[in-house]
Amino acid sequence: MDLKLAGKTALITGGSRGLGRYSAIALASEGCNVSICGRGEEDLKKTETDLKALGIQVASIQCDVTTEAGTSKAYEQTKQLLGPIDILINNVGGHIGRDFDSADDKSWDHTFQLNLFSAIRLIRLCLPEMKTRSWGRILNISSIYGREYGGGMTYMTSKASLIAFSKHLAIQLAKTGVTVNTIAPGSIAFYGGSWQRFQDEKSTTEVDDFIANNLPMGKFGWPEPIGSLVAFLASEHAGLITGTAINVDGGQSKSLI
């Protein structure tokens, strides 16, 4: 299937590693030019090299998108190096503070800056040109724990907020040619990720118990399906899909909605 992404430009936050990296590779494999941003120079350079090997134009931008200066740098340098942004993937995420007693104001602020406000700021920058061209794709990476109970309190609350924001924005933009969707991964293991660390650091019994109690497929998820879904939702073929939150979790989530 030709996704008709050749020559388009995508900006991916947290694009140097993990799900962002796999999303970048999936888009680049379809001929999409890709800008990745992240805080670590080494990971950025490695992913930049891998993407260039696919024959597309690449920009790698070292910045912290939890700050206004960082989001502005990601946006401006992408435009300068690759041109107007057609596809925005808000992938960066994480949290501080697992429960109410351990989460102070700084923890809440940091987690919301990372999971929600970085996305809002970048959308605010990219959206006017998307609306002018009557075409754009905004994809926000949330979590199944933004759709149902699970994970840390700050993480769950901020990811649920991201889904709610995305739904509201999608309806507002429905007539403009710009779509907005969220992807909600389950327990996806990849090098350097939290679920890989969980398997490396916990006892075999703890890992086996988690798998038996939470993962119907009997194993952790893997990142390539996330990248494939990102590429599809960013394509011409997904023009009727907006305002959705799509789980990619091997049946892990329990909610009916």
Foldseek 3Di string as FASTA:
>chain_A
DQLPQALAEEEEEVLLDDLNVLLLQLSLLNNHEYEYEEADPVSQVVSQVVSVVSVHHYHYYHADLLDLVRLVRSQVVSCVRRNAHAEYELEFADFFAFEDVRADPVRLSSRLSGQPVSLVSNCVVRVVVCLVVLAHEYEHEAALLCVDPDTGPSNNVNSVVNLVVQLVVQVVCVRRRYAGEYEHEYQEDDPPDPSVVVVVPDDPVVVQVCQVVFAPVSDGHYNNVSSNVSSNCRGPNVSVDHSYYHYDYNPRRDDPD
